């Protein structure tokens, strides 16, 4: 992910703040401001420096009470692995990420917290106890759809429907899922327009909405934004 670009004054203030953190071990706004004024008043006014410090805080380059800066965060290999995984699998949930990356609960919670705090990822809640992690960018209001795609059973249902439209009884038999489980997920997918129904005589067939699936894949890799720009 791209780190937001800085203006000339922001870059100079940021460099000075990194020196401050190195000298005093953590960022403290009340102490850091006079430090920056003293180091940079030969070039910038105090008000301009203060505005730049505020901007750096808003852009999450620095965090009150932290000994780290934004560029430090991805120097840790576990945090980088978590971010890389979320970028490729937006909507991933806690247990999935921990399982795939072989991370303990406490270890994961610490690193994902740092990624959230410094604005690399966002945690989106969908139900009382359900949420997914995403890179901190726009997904065109499709976060819930992308979260659903991380569900293993939903993925299996969509994969077999991509080959051929099927009746619910055929899906149940092919996947060896309980009828109620398949029915529940089909209802969710239909509500999200990820599938649609066709009727042939007395039979109802479930079909994948290929256009939406393709759109979601483009959103994941950023291609859709290139198309809009063109």
C-alpha atoms as a PDB file:
ATOM      1  CA  UNK A   1       0.000   0.000   0.000  1.00  0.00           C
ATOM      2  CA  UNK A   2       1.143   3.526  -0.738  1.00  0.00           C
ATOM      3  CA  UNK A   3       1.953   5.758   2.218  1.00  0.00           C
ATOM      4  CA  UNK A   4       0.342   9.166   1.770  1.00  0.00           C
ATOM      5  CA  UNK A   5       2.756  11.698   0.315  1.00  0.00           C
ATOM      6  CA  UNK A   6       4.029  14.606   2.394  1.00  0.00           C
ATOM      7  CA  UNK A   7       4.593  18.230   1.488  1.00  0.00           C
ATOM      8  CA  UNK A   8       8.074  19.690   1.867  1.00  0.00           C
ATOM      9  CA  UNK A   9       7.370  21.183   5.281  1.00  0.00           C
ATOM     10  CA  UNK A  10       5.616  18.002   6.475  1.00  0.00           C
ATOM     11  CA  UNK A  11       8.617  15.921   5.371  1.00  0.00           C
ATOM     12  CA  UNK A  12      11.012  18.184   7.281  1.00  0.00           C
ATOM     13  CA  UNK A  13       8.809  18.232  10.379  1.00  0.00           C
ATOM     14  CA  UNK A  14       8.468  14.448  10.181  1.00  0.00           C
ATOM     15  CA  UNK A  15      12.254  14.046  10.024  1.00  0.00           C
ATOM     16  CA  UNK A  16      12.587  16.273  13.094  1.00  0.00           C
ATOM     17  CA  UNK A  17       9.906  14.323  14.944  1.00  0.00           C
ATOM     18  CA  UNK A  18      11.752  11.076  14.229  1.00  0.00           C
ATOM     19  CA  UNK A  19      14.832  12.659  15.820  1.00  0.00           C
ATOM     20  CA  UNK A  20      12.672  13.659  18.788  1.00  0.00           C
ATOM     21  CA  UNK A  21      11.313  10.114  19.201  1.00  0.00           C
ATOM     22  CA  UNK A  22      14.824   8.709  18.969  1.00  0.00           C
ATOM     23  CA  UNK A  23      15.976  11.072  21.742  1.00  0.00           C
ATOM     24  CA  UNK A  24      12.922  10.788  24.029  1.00  0.00           C
ATOM     25  CA  UNK A  25      11.683   7.248  23.197  1.00  0.00           C
ATOM     26  CA  UNK A  26       8.076   8.171  22.412  1.00  0.00           C
ATOM     27  CA  UNK A  27       5.972  10.908  20.831  1.00  0.00           C
ATOM     28  CA  UNK A  28       4.500  13.431  23.239  1.00  0.00           C
ATOM     29  CA  UNK A  29       2.756  16.303  21.476  1.00  0.00           C
ATOM     30  CA  UNK A  30       3.219  18.895  24.228  1.00  0.00           C
ATOM     31  CA  UNK A  31       6.949  18.272  24.388  1.00  0.00           C
ATOM     32  CA  UNK A  32       7.491  17.624  20.688  1.00  0.00           C
ATOM     33  CA  UNK A  33       6.049  20.939  19.494  1.00  0.00           C
ATOM     34  CA  UNK A  34       8.637  23.159  21.274  1.00  0.00           C
ATOM     35  CA  UNK A  35      11.347  20.751  20.078  1.00  0.00           C
ATOM     36  CA  UNK A  36      10.236  21.261  16.465  1.00  0.00           C
ATOM     37  CA  UNK A  37       9.934  25.033  16.902  1.00  0.00           C
ATOM     38  CA  UNK A  38      13.493  25.149  18.195  1.00  0.00           C
ATOM     39  CA  UNK A  39      14.908  23.012  15.385  1.00  0.00           C
ATOM     40  CA  UNK A  40      12.951  24.484  12.468  1.00  0.00           C
ATOM     41  CA  UNK A  41      12.176  28.136  13.272  1.00  0.00           C
ATOM     42  CA  UNK A  42      15.028  29.234  11.005  1.00  0.00           C
ATOM     43  CA  UNK A  43      12.935  28.081   8.068  1.00  0.00           C
ATOM     44  CA  UNK A  44       9.238  27.959   9.088  1.00  0.00           C
ATOM     45  CA  UNK A  45       6.907  29.866  11.380  1.00  0.00           C
ATOM     46  CA  UNK A  46       5.665  28.210  14.563  1.00  0.00           C
ATOM     47  CA  UNK A  47       2.094  28.167  13.232  1.00  0.00           C
ATOM     48  CA  UNK A  48       3.174  26.434  10.003  1.00  0.00           C
ATOM     49  CA  UNK A  49       5.107  23.841  12.016  1.00  0.00           C
ATOM     50  CA  UNK A  50       2.130  23.248  14.331  1.00  0.00           C
ATOM     51  CA  UNK A  51      -0.189  22.748  11.337  1.00  0.00           C
ATOM     52  CA  UNK A  52       2.250  20.216   9.861  1.00  0.00           C
ATOM     53  CA  UNK A  53       2.467  18.286  13.139  1.00  0.00           C
ATOM     54  CA  UNK A  54      -1.349  18.160  13.260  1.00  0.00           C
ATOM     55  CA  UNK A  55      -1.418  16.928   9.658  1.00  0.00           C
ATOM     56  CA  UNK A  56       1.130  14.186  10.431  1.00  0.00           C
ATOM     57  CA  UNK A  57      -1.021  13.035  13.343  1.00  0.00           C
ATOM     58  CA  UNK A  58      -4.128  12.991  11.136  1.00  0.00           C
ATOM     59  CA  UNK A  59      -2.260  10.991   8.483  1.00  0.00           C
ATOM     60  CA  UNK A  60      -1.110   8.636  11.259  1.00  0.00           C
ATOM     61  CA  UNK A  61       2.587   9.085  10.609  1.00  0.00           C
ATOM     62  CA  UNK A  62       2.991   9.569  14.349  1.00  0.00           C
ATOM     63  CA  UNK A  63       0.851   8.446  17.271  1.00  0.00           C
ATOM     64  CA  UNK A  64       0.704   9.962  20.727  1.00  0.00           C
ATOM     65  CA  UNK A  65       2.623   7.800  23.208  1.00  0.00           C
ATOM     66  CA  UNK A  66       4.193   5.547  20.552  1.00  0.00           C
ATOM     67  CA  UNK A  67       7.902   4.986  19.988  1.00  0.00           C
ATOM     68  CA  UNK A  68       7.158   3.954  16.384  1.00  0.00           C
ATOM     69  CA  UNK A  69       6.421   5.952  13.253  1.00  0.00           C
ATOM     70  CA  UNK A  70       4.344   4.865  10.257  1.00  0.00           C
ATOM     71  CA  UNK A  71       7.352   3.772   8.239  1.00  0.00           C
ATOM     72  CA  UNK A  72       8.570   1.615  11.157  1.00  0.00           C
ATOM     73  CA  UNK A  73       5.414  -0.495  11.217  1.00  0.00           C
ATOM     74  CA  UNK A  74       6.130  -2.706   8.201  1.00  0.00           C
ATOM     75  CA  UNK A  75       9.721  -3.364   9.245  1.00  0.00           C
ATOM     76  CA  UNK A  76       8.231  -6.101  11.417  1.00  0.00           C
ATOM     77  CA  UNK A  77       7.840  -9.230   9.263  1.00  0.00           C
ATOM     78  CA  UNK A  78       4.690 -10.466  11.009  1.00  0.00           C
ATOM     79  CA  UNK A  79       2.922  -7.146  10.473  1.00  0.00           C
ATOM     80  CA  UNK A  80       4.010  -7.109   6.846  1.00  0.00           C
ATOM     81  CA  UNK A  81       2.738 -10.669   6.359  1.00  0.00           C
ATOM     82  CA  UNK A  82      -0.615  -9.786   7.921  1.00  0.00           C
ATOM     83  CA  UNK A  83      -1.003  -6.710   5.691  1.00  0.00           C
ATOM     84  CA  UNK A  84       0.035  -8.647   2.569  1.00  0.00           C
ATOM     85  CA  UNK A  85      -2.521 -11.358   3.378  1.00  0.00           C
ATOM     86  CA  UNK A  86      -5.333  -8.855   3.972  1.00  0.00           C
ATOM     87  CA  UNK A  87      -4.558  -7.044   0.707  1.00  0.00           C
ATOM     88  CA  UNK A  88      -5.004 -10.302  -1.237  1.00  0.00           C
ATOM     89  CA  UNK A  89      -7.882 -11.565   0.952  1.00  0.00           C
ATOM     90  CA  UNK A  90      -9.938  -8.508   1.970  1.00  0.00           C
ATOM     91  CA  UNK A  91     -12.584  -9.320   4.537  1.00  0.00           C
ATOM     92  CA  UNK A  92     -10.460 -11.982   6.234  1.00  0.00           C
ATOM     93  CA  UNK A  93     -11.385 -12.642   9.834  1.00  0.00           C
ATOM     94  CA  UNK A  94      -9.245 -13.190  12.934  1.00  0.00           C
ATOM     95  CA  UNK A  95      -9.116 -17.007  12.980  1.00  0.00           C
ATOM     96  CA  UNK A  96      -8.524 -17.292   9.228  1.00  0.00           C
ATOM     97  CA  UNK A  97      -5.531 -14.927   9.284  1.00  0.00           C
ATOM     98  CA  UNK A  98      -4.054 -16.574  12.378  1.00  0.00           C
ATOM     99  CA  UNK A  99      -4.451 -20.043  10.886  1.00  0.00           C
ATOM    100  CA  UNK A 100      -2.954 -19.149   7.519  1.00  0.00           C
ATOM    101  CA  UNK A 101       0.000 -17.270   9.032  1.00  0.00           C
ATOM    102  CA  UNK A 102       0.519 -19.533  12.068  1.00  0.00           C
ATOM    103  CA  UNK A 103       0.117 -16.716  14.581  1.00  0.00           C
ATOM    104  CA  UNK A 104      -0.996 -16.984  18.191  1.00  0.00           C
ATOM    105  CA  UNK A 105      -3.992 -14.979  19.415  1.00  0.00           C
ATOM    106  CA  UNK A 106      -2.017 -12.461  21.514  1.00  0.00           C
ATOM    107  CA  UNK A 107       0.630 -12.061  18.820  1.00  0.00           C
ATOM    108  CA  UNK A 108      -1.998 -11.424  16.159  1.00  0.00           C
ATOM    109  CA  UNK A 109      -3.967  -8.978  18.319  1.00  0.00           C
ATOM    110  CA  UNK A 110      -0.831  -6.913  19.001  1.00  0.00           C
ATOM    111  CA  UNK A 111       0.240  -6.675  15.367  1.00  0.00           C
ATOM    112  CA  UNK A 112      -3.225  -6.083  13.890  1.00  0.00           C
ATOM    113  CA  UNK A 113      -3.751  -3.387  16.530  1.00  0.00           C
ATOM    114  CA  UNK A 114      -0.607  -1.596  15.362  1.00  0.00           C
ATOM    115  CA  UNK A 115      -1.693  -1.853  11.719  1.00  0.00           C
ATOM    116  CA  UNK A 116      -5.076  -0.358  12.647  1.00  0.00           C
ATOM    117  CA  UNK A 117      -3.591   2.365  14.827  1.00  0.00           C
ATOM    118  CA  UNK A 118      -1.276   3.589  12.059  1.00  0.00           C
ATOM    119  CA  UNK A 119      -3.981   3.488   9.382  1.00  0.00           C
ATOM    120  CA  UNK A 120      -2.852   0.494   7.313  1.00  0.00           C
ATOM    121  CA  UNK A 121      -5.970  -1.603   7.886  1.00  0.00           C
ATOM    122  CA  UNK A 122      -9.550  -1.126   8.999  1.00  0.00           C
ATOM    123  CA  UNK A 123     -11.767  -3.479  10.995  1.00  0.00           C
ATOM    124  CA  UNK A 124     -15.356  -3.604   9.724  1.00  0.00           C
ATOM    125  CA  UNK A 125     -18.074  -5.091  11.925  1.00  0.00           C
ATOM    126  CA  UNK A 126     -20.986  -6.818  10.172  1.00  0.00           C
ATOM    127  CA  UNK A 127     -22.879  -8.467  13.015  1.00  0.00           C
ATOM    128  CA  UNK A 128     -22.559  -8.438  16.779  1.00  0.00           C
ATOM    129  CA  UNK A 129     -19.595 -10.826  16.742  1.00  0.00           C
ATOM    130  CA  UNK A 130     -18.613 -10.868  13.054  1.00  0.00           C
ATOM    131  CA  UNK A 131     -16.078  -8.568  11.456  1.00  0.00           C
ATOM    132  CA  UNK A 132     -13.457  -8.598   8.731  1.00  0.00           C
ATOM    133  CA  UNK A 133     -10.168  -6.816   8.139  1.00  0.00           C
ATOM    134  CA  UNK A 134      -9.476  -4.697   5.070  1.00  0.00           C
ATOM    135  CA  UNK A 135      -6.725  -2.505   3.754  1.00  0.00           C
ATOM    136  CA  UNK A 136      -7.541   1.115   4.609  1.00  0.00           C
ATOM    137  CA  UNK A 137      -9.016   2.123   1.254  1.00  0.00           C
ATOM    138  CA  UNK A 138     -12.303   2.152  -0.630  1.00  0.00           C
ATOM    139  CA  UNK A 139     -14.007  -1.079  -1.598  1.00  0.00           C
ATOM    140  CA  UNK A 140     -16.976   0.710  -3.183  1.00  0.00           C
ATOM    141  CA  UNK A 141     -19.355  -0.446  -0.400  1.00  0.00           C
ATOM    142  CA  UNK A 142     -18.646  -4.114  -1.156  1.00  0.00           C
ATOM    143  CA  UNK A 143     -16.946  -4.922   2.150  1.00  0.00           C
ATOM    144  CA  UNK A 144     -19.673  -7.350   3.195  1.00  0.00           C
ATOM    145  CA  UNK A 145     -19.559  -9.172  -0.150  1.00  0.00           C
ATOM    146  CA  UNK A 146     -15.780  -9.557   0.140  1.00  0.00           C
ATOM    147  CA  UNK A 147     -16.178 -10.757   3.725  1.00  0.00           C
ATOM    148  CA  UNK A 148     -18.628 -13.425   2.537  1.00  0.00           C
ATOM    149  CA  UNK A 149     -16.108 -14.684  -0.012  1.00  0.00           C
ATOM    150  CA  UNK A 150     -13.750 -15.549   2.859  1.00  0.00           C
ATOM    151  CA  UNK A 151     -16.290 -18.099   4.121  1.00  0.00           C
ATOM    152  CA  UNK A 152     -15.135 -21.560   3.013  1.00  0.00           C
ATOM    153  CA  UNK A 153     -18.641 -22.986   2.509  1.00  0.00           C
ATOM    154  CA  UNK A 154     -19.792 -19.958   0.526  1.00  0.00           C
ATOM    155  CA  UNK A 155     -16.692 -20.217  -1.643  1.00  0.00           C
ATOM    156  CA  UNK A 156     -17.408 -23.861  -2.387  1.00  0.00           C
ATOM    157  CA  UNK A 157     -21.022 -23.085  -3.300  1.00  0.00           C
ATOM    158  CA  UNK A 158     -19.984 -20.295  -5.664  1.00  0.00           C
ATOM    159  CA  UNK A 159     -17.301 -22.432  -7.308  1.00  0.00           C
ATOM    160  CA  UNK A 160     -19.664 -25.227  -8.279  1.00  0.00           C
ATOM    161  CA  UNK A 161     -22.292 -22.727  -9.441  1.00  0.00           C
ATOM    162  CA  UNK A 162     -19.711 -21.043 -11.672  1.00  0.00           C
ATOM    163  CA  UNK A 163     -19.598 -24.294 -13.670  1.00  0.00           C
ATOM    164  CA  UNK A 164     -23.360 -24.872 -13.997  1.00  0.00           C
ATOM    165  CA  UNK A 165     -26.639 -23.607 -12.541  1.00  0.00           C
ATOM    166  CA  UNK A 166     -27.835 -26.140  -9.964  1.00  0.00           C
ATOM    167  CA  UNK A 167     -30.865 -26.969  -7.860  1.00  0.00           C
ATOM    168  CA  UNK A 168     -30.492 -26.839  -4.082  1.00  0.00           C
ATOM    169  CA  UNK A 169     -30.690 -30.625  -3.868  1.00  0.00           C
ATOM    170  CA  UNK A 170     -27.814 -30.926  -6.358  1.00  0.00           C
ATOM    171  CA  UNK A 171     -25.677 -28.453  -4.388  1.00  0.00           C
ATOM    172  CA  UNK A 172     -26.366 -30.332  -1.165  1.00  0.00           C
ATOM    173  CA  UNK A 173     -25.416 -33.663  -2.752  1.00  0.00           C
ATOM    174  CA  UNK A 174     -22.267 -32.432  -4.506  1.00  0.00           C
ATOM    175  CA  UNK A 175     -20.870 -30.649  -1.452  1.00  0.00           C
ATOM    176  CA  UNK A 176     -22.273 -33.030   1.162  1.00  0.00           C
ATOM    177  CA  UNK A 177     -23.586 -30.086   3.175  1.00  0.00           C
ATOM    178  CA  UNK A 178     -26.741 -30.178   5.262  1.00  0.00           C
ATOM    179  CA  UNK A 179     -29.775 -28.855   3.363  1.00  0.00           C
ATOM    180  CA  UNK A 180     -30.400 -26.120   5.949  1.00  0.00           C
ATOM    181  CA  UNK A 181     -26.780 -24.932   5.677  1.00  0.00           C
ATOM    182  CA  UNK A 182     -26.992 -24.623   1.910  1.00  0.00           C
ATOM    183  CA  UNK A 183     -30.375 -22.923   2.131  1.00  0.00           C
ATOM    184  CA  UNK A 184     -29.037 -20.380   4.634  1.00  0.00           C
ATOM    185  CA  UNK A 185     -26.038 -19.443   2.484  1.00  0.00           C
ATOM    186  CA  UNK A 186     -28.044 -19.338  -0.742  1.00  0.00           C
ATOM    187  CA  UNK A 187     -30.420 -16.859   0.884  1.00  0.00           C
ATOM    188  CA  UNK A 188     -27.516 -14.654   1.963  1.00  0.00           C
ATOM    189  CA  UNK A 189     -25.937 -14.809  -1.500  1.00  0.00           C
ATOM    190  CA  UNK A 190     -29.241 -14.029  -3.193  1.00  0.00           C
ATOM    191  CA  UNK A 191     -29.835 -11.057  -0.890  1.00  0.00           C
ATOM    192  CA  UNK A 192     -26.381  -9.721  -1.842  1.00  0.00           C
ATOM    193  CA  UNK A 193     -27.070 -10.367  -5.552  1.00  0.00           C
ATOM    194  CA  UNK A 194     -24.056 -12.667  -5.764  1.00  0.00           C
ATOM    195  CA  UNK A 195     -26.400 -15.295  -7.207  1.00  0.00           C
ATOM    196  CA  UNK A 196     -29.755 -15.184  -8.974  1.00  0.00           C
ATOM    197  CA  UNK A 197     -32.543 -17.684  -9.657  1.00  0.00           C
ATOM    198  CA  UNK A 198     -33.851 -19.139 -12.903  1.00  0.00           C
ATOM    199  CA  UNK A 199     -36.926 -21.338 -13.171  1.00  0.00           C
ATOM    200  CA  UNK A 200     -37.208 -24.291 -15.539  1.00  0.00           C
ATOM    201  CA  UNK A 201     -40.602 -25.918 -15.229  1.00  0.00           C
ATOM    202  CA  UNK A 202     -41.064 -26.747 -11.554  1.00  0.00           C
ATOM    203  CA  UNK A 203     -37.380 -26.498 -10.756  1.00  0.00           C
ATOM    204  CA  UNK A 204     -35.468 -23.539  -9.337  1.00  0.00           C
ATOM    205  CA  UNK A 205     -31.834 -23.211 -10.383  1.00  0.00           C
ATOM    206  CA  UNK A 206     -29.183 -21.075  -8.714  1.00  0.00           C
ATOM    207  CA  UNK A 207     -26.763 -19.119 -10.914  1.00  0.00           C
ATOM    208  CA  UNK A 208     -23.649 -17.129 -10.140  1.00  0.00           C
ATOM    209  CA  UNK A 209     -23.773 -13.403 -10.880  1.00  0.00           C
ATOM    210  CA  UNK A 210     -20.529 -13.487 -12.872  1.00  0.00           C
ATOM    211  CA  UNK A 211     -20.537  -9.722 -13.488  1.00  0.00           C
ATOM    212  CA  UNK A 212     -20.505  -8.975  -9.759  1.00  0.00           C
ATOM    213  CA  UNK A 213     -17.866 -11.623  -9.021  1.00  0.00           C
ATOM    214  CA  UNK A 214     -15.629 -10.143 -11.729  1.00  0.00           C
ATOM    215  CA  UNK A 215     -16.207  -6.652 -10.291  1.00  0.00           C
ATOM    216  CA  UNK A 216     -15.207  -7.845  -6.815  1.00  0.00           C
ATOM    217  CA  UNK A 217     -12.020  -9.409  -8.158  1.00  0.00           C
ATOM    218  CA  UNK A 218     -11.172  -6.156  -9.912  1.00  0.00           C
ATOM    219  CA  UNK A 219     -11.803  -4.186  -6.728  1.00  0.00           C
ATOM    220  CA  UNK A 220      -9.400  -6.482  -4.868  1.00  0.00           C
ATOM    221  CA  UNK A 221      -6.523  -5.932  -7.317  1.00  0.00           C
ATOM    222  CA  UNK A 222      -7.352  -2.275  -7.984  1.00  0.00           C
ATOM    223  CA  UNK A 223      -8.032  -2.762 -11.699  1.00  0.00           C
ATOM    224  CA  UNK A 224     -11.507  -1.287 -11.468  1.00  0.00           C
ATOM    225  CA  UNK A 225     -10.108   2.062 -10.321  1.00  0.00           C
ATOM    226  CA  UNK A 226      -7.791   2.125 -13.335  1.00  0.00           C
ATOM    227  CA  UNK A 227     -10.809   1.558 -15.597  1.00  0.00           C
ATOM    228  CA  UNK A 228     -12.724   4.420 -13.956  1.00  0.00           C
ATOM    229  CA  UNK A 229      -9.710   6.702 -14.325  1.00  0.00           C
ATOM    230  CA  UNK A 230      -9.582   5.960 -18.038  1.00  0.00           C
END
